[in-house]
Amino acid sequence: MKNIDIYIRVDTPYLIKQVFDNPGTSQLKIPFNTVLKFLGAVAQRASELNDPKLNMLMIKLNLYEVEPKEASSLIDQCIKEMK
């Protein structure tokens, strides 16, 4: 049986959006937008580097555009490449 923790993911962009949707968080809009821009730049650079360990982290943080149904198989592929 595979280690289930390997497949745990966080939808980072959605999490940040949820923060914006809550009343009283307007003061966080500028810092969180800045974080999103930096994460986008990190995702771009990660895709250029094409490192399997980094790719797996990016998939798990939902920073690559990946269909949710494909995420587990892409994580498996990254694990194979790391071996």
PDB file of N, CA and C in Angstrom:
ATOM      1  N   MET A   1       0.841  -1.190   0.000  1.00  0.00           N
ATOM      2  CA  MET A   1       0.000   0.000   0.000  1.00  0.00           C
ATOM      3  C   MET A   1       0.884   1.250   0.000  1.00  0.00           C
ATOM      4  N   LYS A   2       0.515   2.215  -0.785  1.00  0.00           N
ATOM      5  CA  LYS A   2       1.288   3.444  -0.906  1.00  0.00           C
ATOM      6  C   LYS A   2       1.053   4.340   0.308  1.00  0.00           C
ATOM      7  N   ASN A   3       2.052   5.155   0.601  1.00  0.00           N
ATOM      8  CA  ASN A   3       1.929   6.118   1.682  1.00  0.00           C
ATOM      9  C   ASN A   3       0.968   7.221   1.251  1.00  0.00           C
ATOM     10  N   ILE A   4      -0.154   7.328   1.930  1.00  0.00           N
ATOM     11  CA  ILE A   4      -1.206   8.277   1.538  1.00  0.00           C
ATOM     12  C   ILE A   4      -0.736   9.724   1.648  1.00  0.00           C
ATOM     13  N   ASP A   5       0.203  10.009   2.567  1.00  0.00           N
ATOM     14  CA  ASP A   5       0.704  11.380   2.738  1.00  0.00           C
ATOM     15  C   ASP A   5       1.332  11.920   1.458  1.00  0.00           C
ATOM     16  N   ILE A   6       1.815  11.052   0.636  1.00  0.00           N
ATOM     17  CA  ILE A   6       2.427  11.473  -0.621  1.00  0.00           C
ATOM     18  C   ILE A   6       1.410  12.201  -1.495  1.00  0.00           C
ATOM     19  N   TYR A   7       0.157  11.857  -1.376  1.00  0.00           N
ATOM     20  CA  TYR A   7      -0.879  12.401  -2.252  1.00  0.00           C
ATOM     21  C   TYR A   7      -1.673  13.562  -1.635  1.00  0.00           C
ATOM     22  N   ILE A   8      -1.335  13.952  -0.412  1.00  0.00           N
ATOM     23  CA  ILE A   8      -2.032  15.078   0.210  1.00  0.00           C
ATOM     24  C   ILE A   8      -1.648  16.351  -0.536  1.00  0.00           C
ATOM     25  N   ARG A   9      -2.667  17.137  -0.878  1.00  0.00           N
ATOM     26  CA  ARG A   9      -2.450  18.357  -1.651  1.00  0.00           C
ATOM     27  C   ARG A   9      -3.127  19.537  -0.972  1.00  0.00           C
ATOM     28  N   VAL A  10      -2.634  20.714  -1.265  1.00  0.00           N
ATOM     29  CA  VAL A  10      -3.221  21.961  -0.782  1.00  0.00           C
ATOM     30  C   VAL A  10      -3.487  22.834  -1.998  1.00  0.00           C
ATOM     31  N   ASP A  11      -4.710  23.276  -2.141  1.00  0.00           N
ATOM     32  CA  ASP A  11      -5.044  24.158  -3.256  1.00  0.00           C
ATOM     33  C   ASP A  11      -4.693  25.586  -2.837  1.00  0.00           C
ATOM     34  N   THR A  12      -3.439  25.948  -2.989  1.00  0.00           N
ATOM     35  CA  THR A  12      -2.930  27.231  -2.522  1.00  0.00           C
ATOM     36  C   THR A  12      -3.687  28.424  -3.094  1.00  0.00           C
ATOM     37  N   PRO A  13      -3.893  28.510  -4.414  1.00  0.00           N
ATOM     38  CA  PRO A  13      -4.641  29.661  -4.940  1.00  0.00           C
ATOM     39  C   PRO A  13      -6.060  29.761  -4.349  1.00  0.00           C
ATOM     40  N   TYR A  14      -6.727  28.625  -4.189  1.00  0.00           N
ATOM     41  CA  TYR A  14      -8.079  28.626  -3.620  1.00  0.00           C
ATOM     42  C   TYR A  14      -8.043  29.057  -2.152  1.00  0.00           C
ATOM     43  N   LEU A  15      -7.053  28.596  -1.413  1.00  0.00           N
ATOM     44  CA  LEU A  15      -6.906  28.972  -0.012  1.00  0.00           C
ATOM     45  C   LEU A  15      -6.768  30.487   0.128  1.00  0.00           C
ATOM     46  N   ILE A  16      -5.944  31.074  -0.709  1.00  0.00           N
ATOM     47  CA  ILE A  16      -5.760  32.527  -0.671  1.00  0.00           C
ATOM     48  C   ILE A  16      -7.057  33.240  -1.063  1.00  0.00           C
ATOM     49  N   LYS A  17      -7.765  32.713  -2.059  1.00  0.00           N
ATOM     50  CA  LYS A  17      -9.044  33.298  -2.460  1.00  0.00           C
ATOM     51  C   LYS A  17     -10.036  33.266  -1.303  1.00  0.00           C
ATOM     52  N   GLN A  18     -10.044  32.171  -0.555  1.00  0.00           N
ATOM     53  CA  GLN A  18     -10.948  32.056   0.587  1.00  0.00           C
ATOM     54  C   GLN A  18     -10.654  33.126   1.641  1.00  0.00           C
ATOM     55  N   VAL A  19      -9.391  33.454   1.818  1.00  0.00           N
ATOM     56  CA  VAL A  19      -9.029  34.519   2.754  1.00  0.00           C
ATOM     57  C   VAL A  19      -9.653  35.831   2.288  1.00  0.00           C
ATOM     58  N   PHE A  20      -9.572  36.110   0.979  1.00  0.00           N
ATOM     59  CA  PHE A  20     -10.139  37.343   0.432  1.00  0.00           C
ATOM     60  C   PHE A  20     -11.650  37.402   0.591  1.00  0.00           C
ATOM     61  N   ASP A  21     -12.306  36.253   0.554  1.00  0.00           N
ATOM     62  CA  ASP A  21     -13.766  36.214   0.612  1.00  0.00           C
ATOM     63  C   ASP A  21     -14.321  36.455   2.019  1.00  0.00           C
ATOM     64  N   ASN A  22     -13.468  36.475   3.019  1.00  0.00           N
ATOM     65  CA  ASN A  22     -13.920  36.693   4.394  1.00  0.00           C
ATOM     66  C   ASN A  22     -13.924  38.175   4.735  1.00  0.00           C
ATOM     67  N   PRO A  23     -15.000  38.631   5.375  1.00  0.00           N
ATOM     68  CA  PRO A  23     -15.049  40.036   5.782  1.00  0.00           C
ATOM     69  C   PRO A  23     -13.905  40.351   6.759  1.00  0.00           C
ATOM     70  N   GLY A  24     -13.398  41.544   6.671  1.00  0.00           N
ATOM     71  CA  GLY A  24     -12.353  41.969   7.588  1.00  0.00           C
ATOM     72  C   GLY A  24     -10.942  41.616   7.151  1.00  0.00           C
ATOM     73  N   THR A  25     -10.802  41.047   5.944  1.00  0.00           N
ATOM     74  CA  THR A  25      -9.465  40.665   5.491  1.00  0.00           C
ATOM     75  C   THR A  25      -8.963  41.562   4.365  1.00  0.00           C
ATOM     76  N   SER A  26      -9.622  42.674   4.144  1.00  0.00           N
ATOM     77  CA  SER A  26      -9.237  43.546   3.030  1.00  0.00           C
ATOM     78  C   SER A  26      -7.810  44.061   3.174  1.00  0.00           C
ATOM     79  N   GLN A  27      -7.333  44.220   4.404  1.00  0.00           N
ATOM     80  CA  GLN A  27      -5.964  44.695   4.602  1.00  0.00           C
ATOM     81  C   GLN A  27      -4.935  43.653   4.150  1.00  0.00           C
ATOM     82  N   LEU A  28      -5.360  42.423   3.947  1.00  0.00           N
ATOM     83  CA  LEU A  28      -4.444  41.368   3.499  1.00  0.00           C
ATOM     84  C   LEU A  28      -4.380  41.243   1.983  1.00  0.00           C
ATOM     85  N   LYS A  29      -5.215  41.980   1.280  1.00  0.00           N
ATOM     86  CA  LYS A  29      -5.302  41.821  -0.172  1.00  0.00           C
ATOM     87  C   LYS A  29      -3.966  42.099  -0.864  1.00  0.00           C
ATOM     88  N   ILE A  30      -3.325  43.190  -0.549  1.00  0.00           N
ATOM     89  CA  ILE A  30      -2.059  43.534  -1.212  1.00  0.00           C
ATOM     90  C   ILE A  30      -0.963  42.512  -0.883  1.00  0.00           C
ATOM     91  N   PRO A  31      -0.752  42.152   0.397  1.00  0.00           N
ATOM     92  CA  PRO A  31       0.286  41.155   0.662  1.00  0.00           C
ATOM     93  C   PRO A  31       0.009  39.800   0.009  1.00  0.00           C
ATOM     94  N   PHE A  32      -1.258  39.357   0.029  1.00  0.00           N
ATOM     95  CA  PHE A  32      -1.564  38.068  -0.573  1.00  0.00           C
ATOM     96  C   PHE A  32      -1.454  38.112  -2.094  1.00  0.00           C
ATOM     97  N   ASN A  33      -1.817  39.212  -2.719  1.00  0.00           N
ATOM     98  CA  ASN A  33      -1.618  39.336  -4.162  1.00  0.00           C
ATOM     99  C   ASN A  33      -0.134  39.287  -4.506  1.00  0.00           C
ATOM    100  N   THR A  34       0.692  39.893  -3.664  1.00  0.00           N
ATOM    101  CA  THR A  34       2.142  39.842  -3.868  1.00  0.00           C
ATOM    102  C   THR A  34       2.646  38.404  -3.738  1.00  0.00           C
ATOM    103  N   VAL A  35       2.160  37.692  -2.730  1.00  0.00           N
ATOM    104  CA  VAL A  35       2.540  36.284  -2.554  1.00  0.00           C
ATOM    105  C   VAL A  35       2.129  35.470  -3.780  1.00  0.00           C
ATOM    106  N   LEU A  36       0.923  35.697  -4.285  1.00  0.00           N
ATOM    107  CA  LEU A  36       0.469  34.971  -5.477  1.00  0.00           C
ATOM    108  C   LEU A  36       1.361  35.252  -6.683  1.00  0.00           C
ATOM    109  N   LYS A  37       1.785  36.503  -6.845  1.00  0.00           N
ATOM    110  CA  LYS A  37       2.682  36.837  -7.958  1.00  0.00           C
ATOM    111  C   LYS A  37       4.017  36.117  -7.811  1.00  0.00           C
ATOM    112  N   PHE A  38       4.553  36.111  -6.585  1.00  0.00           N
ATOM    113  CA  PHE A  38       5.814  35.401  -6.353  1.00  0.00           C
ATOM    114  C   PHE A  38       5.657  33.902  -6.586  1.00  0.00           C
ATOM    115  N   LEU A  39       4.553  33.335  -6.124  1.00  0.00           N
ATOM    116  CA  LEU A  39       4.331  31.903  -6.340  1.00  0.00           C
ATOM    117  C   LEU A  39       4.189  31.582  -7.823  1.00  0.00           C
ATOM    118  N   GLY A  40       3.581  32.487  -8.574  1.00  0.00           N
ATOM    119  CA  GLY A  40       3.503  32.297 -10.025  1.00  0.00           C
ATOM    120  C   GLY A  40       4.886  32.298 -10.658  1.00  0.00           C
ATOM    121  N   ALA A  41       5.756  33.206 -10.201  1.00  0.00           N
ATOM    122  CA  ALA A  41       7.131  33.253 -10.714  1.00  0.00           C
ATOM    123  C   ALA A  41       7.901  31.996 -10.315  1.00  0.00           C
ATOM    124  N   VAL A  42       7.682  31.521  -9.096  1.00  0.00           N
ATOM    125  CA  VAL A  42       8.330  30.287  -8.644  1.00  0.00           C
ATOM    126  C   VAL A  42       7.857  29.102  -9.493  1.00  0.00           C
ATOM    127  N   ALA A  43       6.559  29.050  -9.753  1.00  0.00           N
ATOM    128  CA  ALA A  43       6.017  27.965 -10.577  1.00  0.00           C
ATOM    129  C   ALA A  43       6.606  28.000 -11.984  1.00  0.00           C
ATOM    130  N   GLN A  44       6.742  29.182 -12.542  1.00  0.00           N
ATOM    131  CA  GLN A  44       7.337  29.320 -13.878  1.00  0.00           C
ATOM    132  C   GLN A  44       8.769  28.794 -13.887  1.00  0.00           C
ATOM    133  N   ARG A  45       9.550  29.218 -12.892  1.00  0.00           N
ATOM    134  CA  ARG A  45      10.949  28.780 -12.816  1.00  0.00           C
ATOM    135  C   ARG A  45      11.040  27.285 -12.557  1.00  0.00           C
ATOM    136  N   ALA A  46      10.163  26.767 -11.708  1.00  0.00           N
ATOM    137  CA  ALA A  46      10.163  25.331 -11.419  1.00  0.00           C
ATOM    138  C   ALA A  46       9.889  24.523 -12.682  1.00  0.00           C
ATOM    139  N   SER A  47       8.969  25.008 -13.515  1.00  0.00           N
ATOM    140  CA  SER A  47       8.677  24.282 -14.760  1.00  0.00           C
ATOM    141  C   SER A  47       9.867  24.318 -15.706  1.00  0.00           C
ATOM    142  N   GLU A  48      10.643  25.387 -15.668  1.00  0.00           N
ATOM    143  CA  GLU A  48      11.846  25.480 -16.503  1.00  0.00           C
ATOM    144  C   GLU A  48      12.936  24.527 -16.008  1.00  0.00           C
ATOM    145  N   LEU A  49      13.062  24.391 -14.694  1.00  0.00           N
ATOM    146  CA  LEU A  49      14.087  23.516 -14.124  1.00  0.00           C
ATOM    147  C   LEU A  49      13.747  22.046 -14.318  1.00  0.00           C
ATOM    148  N   ASN A  50      12.455  21.725 -14.284  1.00  0.00           N
ATOM    149  CA  ASN A  50      11.970  20.357 -14.481  1.00  0.00           C
ATOM    150  C   ASN A  50      12.640  19.359 -13.539  1.00  0.00           C
ATOM    151  N   ASP A  51      12.693  19.706 -12.265  1.00  0.00           N
ATOM    152  CA  ASP A  51      13.226  18.823 -11.234  1.00  0.00           C
ATOM    153  C   ASP A  51      12.065  18.013 -10.659  1.00  0.00           C
ATOM    154  N   PRO A  52      12.149  16.676 -10.652  1.00  0.00           N
ATOM    155  CA  PRO A  52      10.994  15.875 -10.223  1.00  0.00           C
ATOM    156  C   PRO A  52      10.556  16.147  -8.783  1.00  0.00           C
ATOM    157  N   LYS A  53      11.503  16.367  -7.885  1.00  0.00           N
ATOM    158  CA  LYS A  53      11.137  16.643  -6.492  1.00  0.00           C
ATOM    159  C   LYS A  53      10.404  17.982  -6.389  1.00  0.00           C
ATOM    160  N   LEU A  54      10.909  18.973  -7.092  1.00  0.00           N
ATOM    161  CA  LEU A  54      10.274  20.284  -7.121  1.00  0.00           C
ATOM    162  C   LEU A  54       8.925  20.217  -7.833  1.00  0.00           C
ATOM    163  N   ASN A  55       8.858  19.482  -8.924  1.00  0.00           N
ATOM    164  CA  ASN A  55       7.588  19.320  -9.640  1.00  0.00           C
ATOM    165  C   ASN A  55       6.520  18.702  -8.739  1.00  0.00           C
ATOM    166  N   MET A  56       6.915  17.711  -7.954  1.00  0.00           N
ATOM    167  CA  MET A  56       5.970  17.065  -7.060  1.00  0.00           C
ATOM    168  C   MET A  56       5.436  18.071  -6.037  1.00  0.00           C
ATOM    169  N   LEU A  57       6.306  18.896  -5.488  1.00  0.00           N
ATOM    170  CA  LEU A  57       5.867  19.917  -4.534  1.00  0.00           C
ATOM    171  C   LEU A  57       4.918  20.919  -5.192  1.00  0.00           C
ATOM    172  N   MET A  58       5.230  21.305  -6.403  1.00  0.00           N
ATOM    173  CA  MET A  58       4.388  22.266  -7.114  1.00  0.00           C
ATOM    174  C   MET A  58       3.004  21.674  -7.403  1.00  0.00           C
ATOM    175  N   ILE A  59       2.968  20.401  -7.743  1.00  0.00           N
ATOM    176  CA  ILE A  59       1.690  19.722  -7.975  1.00  0.00           C
ATOM    177  C   ILE A  59       0.899  19.660  -6.674  1.00  0.00           C
ATOM    178  N   LYS A  60       1.589  19.328  -5.582  1.00  0.00           N
ATOM    179  CA  LYS A  60       0.920  19.196  -4.289  1.00  0.00           C
ATOM    180  C   LYS A  60       0.401  20.536  -3.767  1.00  0.00           C
ATOM    181  N   LEU A  61       1.012  21.634  -4.178  1.00  0.00           N
ATOM    182  CA  LEU A  61       0.553  22.965  -3.781  1.00  0.00           C
ATOM    183  C   LEU A  61      -0.405  23.572  -4.804  1.00  0.00           C
ATOM    184  N   ASN A  62      -0.725  22.801  -5.833  1.00  0.00           N
ATOM    185  CA  ASN A  62      -1.613  23.230  -6.910  1.00  0.00           C
ATOM    186  C   ASN A  62      -1.109  24.522  -7.572  1.00  0.00           C
ATOM    187  N   LEU A  63       0.188  24.566  -7.802  1.00  0.00           N
ATOM    188  CA  LEU A  63       0.787  25.730  -8.457  1.00  0.00           C
ATOM    189  C   LEU A  63       1.093  25.454  -9.929  1.00  0.00           C
ATOM    190  N   TYR A  64       0.914  24.209 -10.348  1.00  0.00           N
ATOM    191  CA  TYR A  64       0.958  23.869 -11.764  1.00  0.00           C
ATOM    192  C   TYR A  64      -0.484  23.663 -12.217  1.00  0.00           C
ATOM    193  N   GLU A  65      -0.768  23.971 -13.456  1.00  0.00           N
ATOM    194  CA  GLU A  65      -2.108  23.727 -13.985  1.00  0.00           C
ATOM    195  C   GLU A  65      -2.223  22.252 -14.334  1.00  0.00           C
ATOM    196  N   VAL A  66      -2.827  21.519 -13.416  1.00  0.00           N
ATOM    197  CA  VAL A  66      -2.961  20.064 -13.546  1.00  0.00           C
ATOM    198  C   VAL A  66      -4.405  19.708 -13.231  1.00  0.00           C
ATOM    199  N   GLU A  67      -4.976  18.859 -14.038  1.00  0.00           N
ATOM    200  CA  GLU A  67      -6.318  18.358 -13.751  1.00  0.00           C
ATOM    201  C   GLU A  67      -6.262  17.572 -12.444  1.00  0.00           C
ATOM    202  N   PRO A  68      -7.192  17.817 -11.531  1.00  0.00           N
ATOM    203  CA  PRO A  68      -7.170  17.093 -10.256  1.00  0.00           C
ATOM    204  C   PRO A  68      -7.106  15.576 -10.406  1.00  0.00           C
ATOM    205  N   LYS A  69      -7.770  15.051 -11.443  1.00  0.00           N
ATOM    206  CA  LYS A  69      -7.758  13.597 -11.665  1.00  0.00           C
ATOM    207  C   LYS A  69      -6.374  13.083 -12.044  1.00  0.00           C
ATOM    208  N   GLU A  70      -5.537  13.948 -12.599  1.00  0.00           N
ATOM    209  CA  GLU A  70      -4.212  13.537 -13.062  1.00  0.00           C
ATOM    210  C   GLU A  70      -3.124  13.717 -12.011  1.00  0.00           C
ATOM    211  N   ALA A  71      -3.417  14.409 -10.934  1.00  0.00           N
ATOM    212  CA  ALA A  71      -2.394  14.766  -9.952  1.00  0.00           C
ATOM    213  C   ALA A  71      -1.692  13.542  -9.360  1.00  0.00           C
ATOM    214  N   SER A  72      -2.443  12.533  -8.960  1.00  0.00           N
ATOM    215  CA  SER A  72      -1.834  11.349  -8.340  1.00  0.00           C
ATOM    216  C   SER A  72      -0.890  10.640  -9.294  1.00  0.00           C
ATOM    217  N   SER A  73      -1.294  10.491 -10.545  1.00  0.00           N
ATOM    218  CA  SER A  73      -0.418   9.810 -11.501  1.00  0.00           C
ATOM    219  C   SER A  73       0.822  10.649 -11.807  1.00  0.00           C
ATOM    220  N   LEU A  74       0.687  11.971 -11.810  1.00  0.00           N
ATOM    221  CA  LEU A  74       1.857  12.831 -12.023  1.00  0.00           C
ATOM    222  C   LEU A  74       2.805  12.767 -10.826  1.00  0.00           C
ATOM    223  N   ILE A  75       2.255  12.671  -9.628  1.00  0.00           N
ATOM    224  CA  ILE A  75       3.087  12.503  -8.437  1.00  0.00           C
ATOM    225  C   ILE A  75       3.827  11.166  -8.516  1.00  0.00           C
ATOM    226  N   ASP A  76       3.122  10.112  -8.928  1.00  0.00           N
ATOM    227  CA  ASP A  76       3.776   8.808  -9.113  1.00  0.00           C
ATOM    228  C   ASP A  76       4.919   8.900 -10.121  1.00  0.00           C
ATOM    229  N   GLN A  77       4.698   9.634 -11.194  1.00  0.00           N
ATOM    230  CA  GLN A  77       5.736   9.811 -12.217  1.00  0.00           C
ATOM    231  C   GLN A  77       6.942  10.540 -11.632  1.00  0.00           C
ATOM    232  N   CYS A  78       6.713  11.547 -10.823  1.00  0.00           N
ATOM    233  CA  CYS A  78       7.816  12.289 -10.190  1.00  0.00           C
ATOM    234  C   CYS A  78       8.616  11.368  -9.266  1.00  0.00           C
ATOM    235  N   ILE A  79       7.891  10.525  -8.521  1.00  0.00           N
ATOM    236  CA  ILE A  79       8.568   9.581  -7.620  1.00  0.00           C
ATOM    237  C   ILE A  79       9.445   8.634  -8.413  1.00  0.00           C
ATOM    238  N   LYS A  80       8.944   8.119  -9.542  1.00  0.00           N
ATOM    239  CA  LYS A  80       9.742   7.236 -10.401  1.00  0.00           C
ATOM    240  C   LYS A  80      10.999   7.939 -10.885  1.00  0.00           C
ATOM    241  N   GLU A  81      10.865   9.184 -11.287  1.00  0.00           N
ATOM    242  CA  GLU A  81      12.005   9.944 -11.797  1.00  0.00           C
ATOM    243  C   GLU A  81      13.041  10.216 -10.710  1.00  0.00           C
ATOM    244  N   MET A  82      12.620  10.284  -9.464  1.00  0.00           N
ATOM    245  CA  MET A  82      13.549  10.551  -8.363  1.00  0.00           C
ATOM    246  C   MET A  82      14.374   9.316  -8.003  1.00  0.00           C
ATOM    247  N   LYS A  83      13.893   8.152  -8.372  1.00  0.00           N
ATOM    248  CA  LYS A  83      14.595   6.907  -8.024  1.00  0.00           C
ATOM    249  C   LYS A  83      15.731   6.623  -8.966  1.00  0.00           C
TER     250      LYS A  83
END
